[in-house]
Amino acid sequence: MARAAGLLLVVAALPLLANLPQNAAQNPGTLSHGFHVSMLTCAELFLLGAMVAWYGIGRPGRLAGSARHRHCTLAAPTLAPPP
């Protein structure tokens, strides 16, 4: 649901960010400029999302061994043998 809402928001806001007028389809120069601005904006949003994911998703190598095992045994104590 959040993905669909985000996609709709970007699709609605992209022409405004690219400064496209309503009659851009009749003027090829304006449409070409708006396309290039839109592609740069999408690339910037993609990089922003990648940075948020890189910083936001924890890397398992940073955890101490005891914390990693404690998480596993708390999540499924009957399936995992004791460390």
Protein backbone atom coordinates (compact mmCIF):
# COMPACT_ATOMS: atom_id res chain seq x y z
CA MET A 1 0.00 0.00 0.00
CA ALA A 2 2.80 2.41 0.88
CA ARG A 3 4.59 1.63 -2.38
CA ALA A 4 1.49 2.43 -4.40
CA ALA A 5 0.94 5.67 -2.53
CA GLY A 6 4.58 6.67 -3.01
CA LEU A 7 4.45 5.82 -6.69
CA LEU A 8 1.29 7.85 -7.20
CA LEU A 9 2.83 10.77 -5.36
CA VAL A 10 5.96 10.70 -7.52
CA VAL A 11 3.95 10.38 -10.74
CA ALA A 12 1.81 13.35 -9.74
CA ALA A 13 4.71 15.50 -8.54
CA LEU A 14 7.24 14.73 -11.28
CA PRO A 15 5.78 17.10 -13.91
CA LEU A 16 5.74 19.86 -11.30
CA LEU A 17 9.37 19.17 -10.37
CA ALA A 18 10.38 19.13 -14.04
CA ASN A 19 8.54 22.44 -14.57
CA LEU A 20 6.47 21.02 -17.43
CA PRO A 21 3.63 23.20 -18.66
CA GLN A 22 0.29 21.62 -19.58
CA ASN A 23 0.94 22.08 -23.31
CA ALA A 24 4.38 20.41 -23.24
CA ALA A 25 3.20 17.71 -25.65
CA GLN A 26 2.88 20.29 -28.45
CA ASN A 27 6.39 21.70 -27.93
CA PRO A 28 9.12 19.08 -28.50
CA GLY A 29 11.87 21.22 -27.00
CA THR A 30 10.00 21.74 -23.76
CA LEU A 31 9.07 18.07 -23.59
CA SER A 32 12.70 17.01 -24.17
CA HIS A 33 13.95 19.32 -21.44
CA GLY A 34 11.25 18.09 -19.06
CA PHE A 35 12.17 14.48 -19.83
CA HIS A 36 15.84 15.08 -18.99
CA VAL A 37 14.96 16.88 -15.76
CA SER A 38 12.56 14.07 -14.85
CA MET A 39 15.21 11.41 -15.43
CA LEU A 40 17.72 13.27 -13.27
CA THR A 41 15.10 13.65 -10.55
CA CYS A 42 14.31 9.93 -10.67
CA ALA A 43 18.03 9.10 -10.46
CA GLU A 44 18.40 11.36 -7.43
CA LEU A 45 15.41 9.72 -5.73
CA PHE A 46 16.87 6.30 -6.52
CA LEU A 47 20.20 7.24 -4.93
CA LEU A 48 18.42 8.70 -1.92
CA GLY A 49 16.49 5.45 -1.48
CA ALA A 50 19.70 3.44 -1.78
CA MET A 51 21.39 5.55 0.89
CA VAL A 52 18.42 5.21 3.24
CA ALA A 53 18.43 1.44 2.72
CA TRP A 54 22.20 1.21 3.25
CA TYR A 55 22.07 3.18 6.49
CA GLY A 56 18.72 1.82 7.67
CA ILE A 57 19.21 -1.91 7.19
CA GLY A 58 21.48 -3.34 9.84
CA ARG A 59 24.45 -5.43 8.81
CA PRO A 60 24.74 -8.71 10.74
CA GLY A 61 28.54 -8.45 10.91
CA ARG A 62 28.29 -5.51 13.31
CA LEU A 63 26.53 -7.50 16.02
CA ALA A 64 28.48 -9.26 18.72
CA GLY A 65 28.27 -13.03 18.71
CA SER A 66 26.24 -13.22 21.91
CA ALA A 67 23.63 -10.77 20.63
CA ARG A 68 23.24 -12.73 17.40
CA HIS A 69 22.72 -16.03 19.24
CA ARG A 70 20.42 -14.46 21.80
CA HIS A 71 18.20 -13.16 19.00
CA CYS A 72 18.04 -16.59 17.37
CA THR A 73 17.23 -18.46 20.57
CA LEU A 74 14.56 -15.94 21.53
CA ALA A 75 12.96 -16.14 18.10
CA ALA A 76 12.75 -19.97 17.96
CA PRO A 77 13.90 -21.56 21.22
CA THR A 78 12.57 -25.04 20.37
CA LEU A 79 14.09 -25.22 16.89
CA ALA A 80 17.62 -24.06 17.62
CA PRO A 81 20.06 -26.02 19.81
CA PRO A 82 21.61 -24.05 22.69
CA PRO A 83 24.93 -22.38 21.79
